[in-house]
Amino acid sequence: MAFEANQNDEQTYEPFVLEDYVDNPVALARTKAGITQEQLAQRLGVSQAYVSQIERRNNITSKMLVRVHAAISETA
């Protein structure tokens, strides 16, 4: 039996909300800014591996969030 698409299926579209999938505020801010971990690392003066570690943490200090925000806000 072949599957027939129901036109109503298209109307039940659920929009993708990044915040529903990314819990880490650093990863979320970086993704929203459209920059890579490498680019953020260069702006912070750290390695890409360190940015990856930050993005895997459950707790981020306010000092780190301020640094990341400043790095993301600067022009490339």
PDB file of N, CA and C in Angstrom:
ATOM      1  N   MET A   1       0.841  -1.174   0.000  1.00  0.00           N
ATOM      2  CA  MET A   1       0.000   0.000   0.000  1.00  0.00           C
ATOM      3  C   MET A   1       0.886   1.237   0.000  1.00  0.00           C
ATOM      4  N   ALA A   2       0.679   2.097  -0.939  1.00  0.00           N
ATOM      5  CA  ALA A   2       1.499   3.304  -1.085  1.00  0.00           C
ATOM      6  C   ALA A   2       1.011   4.381  -0.118  1.00  0.00           C
ATOM      7  N   PHE A   3       1.961   5.134   0.399  1.00  0.00           N
ATOM      8  CA  PHE A   3       1.629   6.233   1.311  1.00  0.00           C
ATOM      9  C   PHE A   3       1.191   7.438   0.492  1.00  0.00           C
ATOM     10  N   GLU A   4       0.063   7.984   0.838  1.00  0.00           N
ATOM     11  CA  GLU A   4      -0.420   9.184   0.165  1.00  0.00           C
ATOM     12  C   GLU A   4      -0.325  10.349   1.135  1.00  0.00           C
ATOM     13  N   ALA A   5       0.324  11.413   0.670  1.00  0.00           N
ATOM     14  CA  ALA A   5       0.491  12.590   1.522  1.00  0.00           C
ATOM     15  C   ALA A   5      -0.837  13.298   1.715  1.00  0.00           C
ATOM     16  N   ASN A   6      -1.071  13.670   2.924  1.00  0.00           N
ATOM     17  CA  ASN A   6      -2.274  14.411   3.254  1.00  0.00           C
ATOM     18  C   ASN A   6      -1.923  15.899   3.223  1.00  0.00           C
ATOM     19  N   GLN A   7      -2.714  16.691   2.558  1.00  0.00           N
ATOM     20  CA  GLN A   7      -2.430  18.118   2.464  1.00  0.00           C
ATOM     21  C   GLN A   7      -2.410  18.771   3.842  1.00  0.00           C
ATOM     22  N   ASN A   8      -3.158  18.247   4.773  1.00  0.00           N
ATOM     23  CA  ASN A   8      -3.177  18.809   6.118  1.00  0.00           C
ATOM     24  C   ASN A   8      -1.851  18.609   6.850  1.00  0.00           C
ATOM     25  N   ASP A   9      -1.069  17.578   6.433  1.00  0.00           N
ATOM     26  CA  ASP A   9       0.230  17.335   7.058  1.00  0.00           C
ATOM     27  C   ASP A   9       1.142  18.547   6.922  1.00  0.00           C
ATOM     28  N   GLU A  10       1.090  19.234   5.799  1.00  0.00           N
ATOM     29  CA  GLU A  10       1.930  20.402   5.589  1.00  0.00           C
ATOM     30  C   GLU A  10       1.529  21.554   6.512  1.00  0.00           C
ATOM     31  N   GLN A  11       0.305  21.592   6.918  1.00  0.00           N
ATOM     32  CA  GLN A  11      -0.171  22.672   7.773  1.00  0.00           C
ATOM     33  C   GLN A  11       0.159  22.429   9.241  1.00  0.00           C
ATOM     34  N   THR A  12       0.651  21.243   9.583  1.00  0.00           N
ATOM     35  CA  THR A  12       1.019  20.951  10.957  1.00  0.00           C
ATOM     36  C   THR A  12       2.514  21.175  11.186  1.00  0.00           C
ATOM     37  N   TYR A  13       3.128  21.944  10.326  1.00  0.00           N
ATOM     38  CA  TYR A  13       4.554  22.250  10.403  1.00  0.00           C
ATOM     39  C   TYR A  13       4.911  22.891  11.740  1.00  0.00           C
ATOM     40  N   GLU A  14       5.923  22.357  12.393  1.00  0.00           N
ATOM     41  CA  GLU A  14       6.434  22.919  13.639  1.00  0.00           C
ATOM     42  C   GLU A  14       7.724  23.664  13.314  1.00  0.00           C
ATOM     43  N   PRO A  15       7.795  24.943  13.601  1.00  0.00           N
ATOM     44  CA  PRO A  15       9.014  25.694  13.284  1.00  0.00           C
ATOM     45  C   PRO A  15      10.191  25.209  14.130  1.00  0.00           C
ATOM     46  N   PHE A  16      11.371  25.253  13.543  1.00  0.00           N
ATOM     47  CA  PHE A  16      12.593  24.882  14.248  1.00  0.00           C
ATOM     48  C   PHE A  16      13.003  26.043  15.144  1.00  0.00           C
ATOM     49  N   VAL A  17      13.131  25.771  16.427  1.00  0.00           N
ATOM     50  CA  VAL A  17      13.551  26.781  17.389  1.00  0.00           C
ATOM     51  C   VAL A  17      14.872  26.316  17.976  1.00  0.00           C
ATOM     52  N   LEU A  18      15.943  27.027  17.640  1.00  0.00           N
ATOM     53  CA  LEU A  18      17.283  26.643  18.050  1.00  0.00           C
ATOM     54  C   LEU A  18      17.396  26.445  19.555  1.00  0.00           C
ATOM     55  N   GLU A  19      16.747  27.294  20.309  1.00  0.00           N
ATOM     56  CA  GLU A  19      16.809  27.224  21.772  1.00  0.00           C
ATOM     57  C   GLU A  19      16.260  25.900  22.323  1.00  0.00           C
ATOM     58  N   ASP A  20      15.415  25.227  21.556  1.00  0.00           N
ATOM     59  CA  ASP A  20      14.868  23.946  21.989  1.00  0.00           C
ATOM     60  C   ASP A  20      15.908  22.830  21.904  1.00  0.00           C
ATOM     61  N   TYR A  21      16.997  23.055  21.178  1.00  0.00           N
ATOM     62  CA  TYR A  21      17.979  22.009  20.938  1.00  0.00           C
ATOM     63  C   TYR A  21      19.364  22.319  21.504  1.00  0.00           C
ATOM     64  N   VAL A  22      19.659  23.588  21.751  1.00  0.00           N
ATOM     65  CA  VAL A  22      20.972  23.985  22.243  1.00  0.00           C
ATOM     66  C   VAL A  22      20.799  24.597  23.629  1.00  0.00           C
ATOM     67  N   ASP A  23      21.329  23.915  24.645  1.00  0.00           N
ATOM     68  CA  ASP A  23      21.183  24.378  26.022  1.00  0.00           C
ATOM     69  C   ASP A  23      22.307  25.316  26.459  1.00  0.00           C
ATOM     70  N   ASN A  24      23.492  25.137  25.914  1.00  0.00           N
ATOM     71  CA  ASN A  24      24.647  25.908  26.348  1.00  0.00           C
ATOM     72  C   ASN A  24      24.570  27.330  25.793  1.00  0.00           C
ATOM     73  N   PRO A  25      24.652  28.354  26.651  1.00  0.00           N
ATOM     74  CA  PRO A  25      24.515  29.731  26.175  1.00  0.00           C
ATOM     75  C   PRO A  25      25.640  30.184  25.247  1.00  0.00           C
ATOM     76  N   VAL A  26      26.834  29.624  25.419  1.00  0.00           N
ATOM     77  CA  VAL A  26      27.945  29.987  24.534  1.00  0.00           C
ATOM     78  C   VAL A  26      27.705  29.407  23.147  1.00  0.00           C
ATOM     79  N   ALA A  27      27.343  28.142  23.091  1.00  0.00           N
ATOM     80  CA  ALA A  27      27.058  27.504  21.803  1.00  0.00           C
ATOM     81  C   ALA A  27      25.878  28.185  21.114  1.00  0.00           C
ATOM     82  N   LEU A  28      24.874  28.538  21.879  1.00  0.00           N
ATOM     83  CA  LEU A  28      23.700  29.200  21.317  1.00  0.00           C
ATOM     84  C   LEU A  28      24.066  30.570  20.742  1.00  0.00           C
ATOM     85  N   ALA A  29      24.811  31.350  21.491  1.00  0.00           N
ATOM     86  CA  ALA A  29      25.210  32.684  21.024  1.00  0.00           C
ATOM     87  C   ALA A  29      26.094  32.585  19.788  1.00  0.00           C
ATOM     88  N   ARG A  30      27.023  31.635  19.799  1.00  0.00           N
ATOM     89  CA  ARG A  30      27.929  31.476  18.657  1.00  0.00           C
ATOM     90  C   ARG A  30      27.156  31.058  17.414  1.00  0.00           C
ATOM     91  N   THR A  31      26.254  30.117  17.577  1.00  0.00           N
ATOM     92  CA  THR A  31      25.459  29.642  16.448  1.00  0.00           C
ATOM     93  C   THR A  31      24.583  30.756  15.888  1.00  0.00           C
ATOM     94  N   LYS A  32      23.938  31.502  16.775  1.00  0.00           N
ATOM     95  CA  LYS A  32      23.098  32.616  16.319  1.00  0.00           C
ATOM     96  C   LYS A  32      23.915  33.687  15.608  1.00  0.00           C
ATOM     97  N   ALA A  33      25.173  33.858  16.025  1.00  0.00           N
ATOM     98  CA  ALA A  33      26.047  34.852  15.388  1.00  0.00           C
ATOM     99  C   ALA A  33      26.565  34.360  14.042  1.00  0.00           C
ATOM    100  N   GLY A  34      26.408  33.061  13.788  1.00  0.00           N
ATOM    101  CA  GLY A  34      26.837  32.510  12.507  1.00  0.00           C
ATOM    102  C   GLY A  34      28.344  32.368  12.384  1.00  0.00           C
ATOM    103  N   ILE A  35      29.008  32.116  13.513  1.00  0.00           N
ATOM    104  CA  ILE A  35      30.456  31.927  13.460  1.00  0.00           C
ATOM    105  C   ILE A  35      30.813  30.526  13.947  1.00  0.00           C
ATOM    106  N   THR A  36      31.968  30.057  13.534  1.00  0.00           N
ATOM    107  CA  THR A  36      32.427  28.728  13.906  1.00  0.00           C
ATOM    108  C   THR A  36      33.136  28.775  15.255  1.00  0.00           C
ATOM    109  N   GLN A  37      33.369  27.595  15.810  1.00  0.00           N
ATOM    110  CA  GLN A  37      34.149  27.518  17.038  1.00  0.00           C
ATOM    111  C   GLN A  37      35.543  28.095  16.806  1.00  0.00           C
ATOM    112  N   GLU A  38      36.120  27.826  15.661  1.00  0.00           N
ATOM    113  CA  GLU A  38      37.459  28.344  15.334  1.00  0.00           C
ATOM    114  C   GLU A  38      37.461  29.869  15.313  1.00  0.00           C
ATOM    115  N   GLN A  39      36.440  30.464  14.711  1.00  0.00           N
ATOM    116  CA  GLN A  39      36.367  31.929  14.658  1.00  0.00           C
ATOM    117  C   GLN A  39      36.205  32.522  16.056  1.00  0.00           C
ATOM    118  N   LEU A  40      35.370  31.907  16.868  1.00  0.00           N
ATOM    119  CA  LEU A  40      35.199  32.387  18.235  1.00  0.00           C
ATOM    120  C   LEU A  40      36.502  32.228  19.010  1.00  0.00           C
ATOM    121  N   ALA A  41      37.173  31.112  18.816  1.00  0.00           N
ATOM    122  CA  ALA A  41      38.441  30.871  19.494  1.00  0.00           C
ATOM    123  C   ALA A  41      39.466  31.951  19.138  1.00  0.00           C
ATOM    124  N   GLN A  42      39.540  32.304  17.870  1.00  0.00           N
ATOM    125  CA  GLN A  42      40.473  33.355  17.440  1.00  0.00           C
ATOM    126  C   GLN A  42      40.137  34.670  18.112  1.00  0.00           C
ATOM    127  N   ARG A  43      38.872  35.002  18.190  1.00  0.00           N
ATOM    128  CA  ARG A  43      38.455  36.260  18.813  1.00  0.00           C
ATOM    129  C   ARG A  43      38.717  36.277  20.317  1.00  0.00           C
ATOM    130  N   LEU A  44      38.632  35.093  20.948  1.00  0.00           N
ATOM    131  CA  LEU A  44      38.886  34.999  22.386  1.00  0.00           C
ATOM    132  C   LEU A  44      40.365  34.821  22.705  1.00  0.00           C
ATOM    133  N   GLY A  45      41.154  34.479  21.691  1.00  0.00           N
ATOM    134  CA  GLY A  45      42.563  34.216  21.913  1.00  0.00           C
ATOM    135  C   GLY A  45      42.820  32.875  22.581  1.00  0.00           C
ATOM    136  N   VAL A  46      41.974  31.895  22.273  1.00  0.00           N
ATOM    137  CA  VAL A  46      42.103  30.558  22.829  1.00  0.00           C
ATOM    138  C   VAL A  46      42.050  29.551  21.679  1.00  0.00           C
ATOM    139  N   SER A  47      42.184  28.279  22.005  1.00  0.00           N
ATOM    140  CA  SER A  47      42.109  27.246  20.974  1.00  0.00           C
ATOM    141  C   SER A  47      40.652  26.856  20.693  1.00  0.00           C
ATOM    142  N   GLN A  48      40.449  26.254  19.535  1.00  0.00           N
ATOM    143  CA  GLN A  48      39.116  25.759  19.188  1.00  0.00           C
ATOM    144  C   GLN A  48      38.715  24.674  20.165  1.00  0.00           C
ATOM    145  N   ALA A  49      39.662  23.869  20.614  1.00  0.00           N
ATOM    146  CA  ALA A  49      39.369  22.801  21.568  1.00  0.00           C
ATOM    147  C   ALA A  49      38.831  23.371  22.882  1.00  0.00           C
ATOM    148  N   TYR A  50      39.368  24.520  23.297  1.00  0.00           N
ATOM    149  CA  TYR A  50      38.887  25.155  24.529  1.00  0.00           C
ATOM    150  C   TYR A  50      37.446  25.641  24.360  1.00  0.00           C
ATOM    151  N   VAL A  51      37.132  26.210  23.212  1.00  0.00           N
ATOM    152  CA  VAL A  51      35.756  26.642  22.943  1.00  0.00           C
ATOM    153  C   VAL A  51      34.830  25.428  22.989  1.00  0.00           C
ATOM    154  N   SER A  52      35.272  24.324  22.421  1.00  0.00           N
ATOM    155  CA  SER A  52      34.481  23.099  22.458  1.00  0.00           C
ATOM    156  C   SER A  52      34.226  22.652  23.898  1.00  0.00           C
ATOM    157  N   GLN A  53      35.247  22.735  24.738  1.00  0.00           N
ATOM    158  CA  GLN A  53      35.086  22.373  26.146  1.00  0.00           C
ATOM    159  C   GLN A  53      34.070  23.281  26.839  1.00  0.00           C
ATOM    160  N   ILE A  54      34.148  24.574  26.566  1.00  0.00           N
ATOM    161  CA  ILE A  54      33.208  25.536  27.154  1.00  0.00           C
ATOM    162  C   ILE A  54      31.779  25.185  26.744  1.00  0.00           C
ATOM    163  N   GLU A  55      31.613  24.838  25.476  1.00  0.00           N
ATOM    164  CA  GLU A  55      30.282  24.544  24.956  1.00  0.00           C
ATOM    165  C   GLU A  55      29.710  23.234  25.489  1.00  0.00           C
ATOM    166  N   ARG A  56      30.537  22.399  26.070  1.00  0.00           N
ATOM    167  CA  ARG A  56      30.047  21.138  26.656  1.00  0.00           C
ATOM    168  C   ARG A  56      29.750  21.271  28.142  1.00  0.00           C
ATOM    169  N   ARG A  57      30.130  22.373  28.746  1.00  0.00           N
ATOM    170  CA  ARG A  57      29.919  22.564  30.184  1.00  0.00           C
ATOM    171  C   ARG A  57      28.450  22.806  30.498  1.00  0.00           C
ATOM    172  N   ASN A  58      28.074  22.399  31.700  1.00  0.00           N
ATOM    173  CA  ASN A  58      26.715  22.667  32.182  1.00  0.00           C
ATOM    174  C   ASN A  58      26.617  24.067  32.783  1.00  0.00           C
ATOM    175  N   ASN A  59      27.692  24.523  33.408  1.00  0.00           N
ATOM    176  CA  ASN A  59      27.688  25.835  34.051  1.00  0.00           C
ATOM    177  C   ASN A  59      28.725  26.739  33.399  1.00  0.00           C
ATOM    178  N   ILE A  60      28.293  27.921  33.036  1.00  0.00           N
ATOM    179  CA  ILE A  60      29.173  28.915  32.425  1.00  0.00           C
ATOM    180  C   ILE A  60      29.201  30.123  33.349  1.00  0.00           C
ATOM    181  N   THR A  61      30.400  30.614  33.643  1.00  0.00           N
ATOM    182  CA  THR A  61      30.503  31.769  34.522  1.00  0.00           C
ATOM    183  C   THR A  61      30.033  33.033  33.798  1.00  0.00           C
ATOM    184  N   SER A  62      29.596  33.989  34.583  1.00  0.00           N
ATOM    185  CA  SER A  62      29.161  35.259  33.989  1.00  0.00           C
ATOM    186  C   SER A  62      30.345  35.959  33.318  1.00  0.00           C
ATOM    187  N   LYS A  63      31.537  35.793  33.881  1.00  0.00           N
ATOM    188  CA  LYS A  63      32.734  36.389  33.280  1.00  0.00           C
ATOM    189  C   LYS A  63      32.962  35.838  31.867  1.00  0.00           C
ATOM    190  N   MET A  64      32.792  34.529  31.713  1.00  0.00           N
ATOM    191  CA  MET A  64      32.967  33.915  30.390  1.00  0.00           C
ATOM    192  C   MET A  64      31.890  34.394  29.430  1.00  0.00           C
ATOM    193  N   LEU A  65      30.657  34.507  29.911  1.00  0.00           N
ATOM    194  CA  LEU A  65      29.577  34.988  29.046  1.00  0.00           C
ATOM    195  C   LEU A  65      29.845  36.410  28.562  1.00  0.00           C
ATOM    196  N   VAL A  66      30.382  37.251  29.430  1.00  0.00           N
ATOM    197  CA  VAL A  66      30.718  38.624  29.039  1.00  0.00           C
ATOM    198  C   VAL A  66      31.815  38.605  27.982  1.00  0.00           C
ATOM    199  N   ARG A  67      32.835  37.757  28.182  1.00  0.00           N
ATOM    200  CA  ARG A  67      33.925  37.649  27.197  1.00  0.00           C
ATOM    201  C   ARG A  67      33.413  37.179  25.839  1.00  0.00           C
ATOM    202  N   VAL A  68      32.553  36.173  25.861  1.00  0.00           N
ATOM    203  CA  VAL A  68      32.003  35.630  24.617  1.00  0.00           C
ATOM    204  C   VAL A  68      31.144  36.675  23.918  1.00  0.00           C
ATOM    205  N   HIS A  69      30.309  37.363  24.678  1.00  0.00           N
ATOM    206  CA  HIS A  69      29.455  38.390  24.084  1.00  0.00           C
ATOM    207  C   HIS A  69      30.314  39.472  23.420  1.00  0.00           C
ATOM    208  N   ALA A  70      31.361  39.900  24.092  1.00  0.00           N
ATOM    209  CA  ALA A  70      32.248  40.928  23.524  1.00  0.00           C
ATOM    210  C   ALA A  70      32.938  40.409  22.271  1.00  0.00           C
ATOM    211  N   ALA A  71      33.371  39.143  22.290  1.00  0.00           N
ATOM    212  CA  ALA A  71      34.051  38.569  21.135  1.00  0.00           C
ATOM    213  C   ALA A  71      33.109  38.425  19.952  1.00  0.00           C
ATOM    214  N   ILE A  72      31.879  38.048  20.212  1.00  0.00           N
ATOM    215  CA  ILE A  72      30.897  37.890  19.134  1.00  0.00           C
ATOM    216  C   ILE A  72      30.501  39.254  18.574  1.00  0.00           C
ATOM    217  N   SER A  73      30.455  40.245  19.420  1.00  0.00           N
ATOM    218  CA  SER A  73      30.029  41.580  18.994  1.00  0.00           C
ATOM    219  C   SER A  73      31.061  42.296  18.130  1.00  0.00           C
ATOM    220  N   GLU A  74      32.332  41.927  18.268  1.00  0.00           N
ATOM    221  CA  GLU A  74      33.366  42.614  17.481  1.00  0.00           C
ATOM    222  C   GLU A  74      33.274  42.196  16.024  1.00  0.00           C
ATOM    223  N   THR A  75      33.650  43.085  15.161  1.00  0.00           N
ATOM    224  CA  THR A  75      33.604  42.794  13.727  1.00  0.00           C
ATOM    225  C   THR A  75      34.835  42.012  13.317  1.00  0.00           C
ATOM    226  N   ALA A  76      34.643  41.143  12.376  1.00  0.00           N
ATOM    227  CA  ALA A  76      35.748  40.271  11.918  1.00  0.00           C
ATOM    228  C   ALA A  76      36.773  41.028  11.124  1.00  0.00           C
TER     229      ALA A  76
END
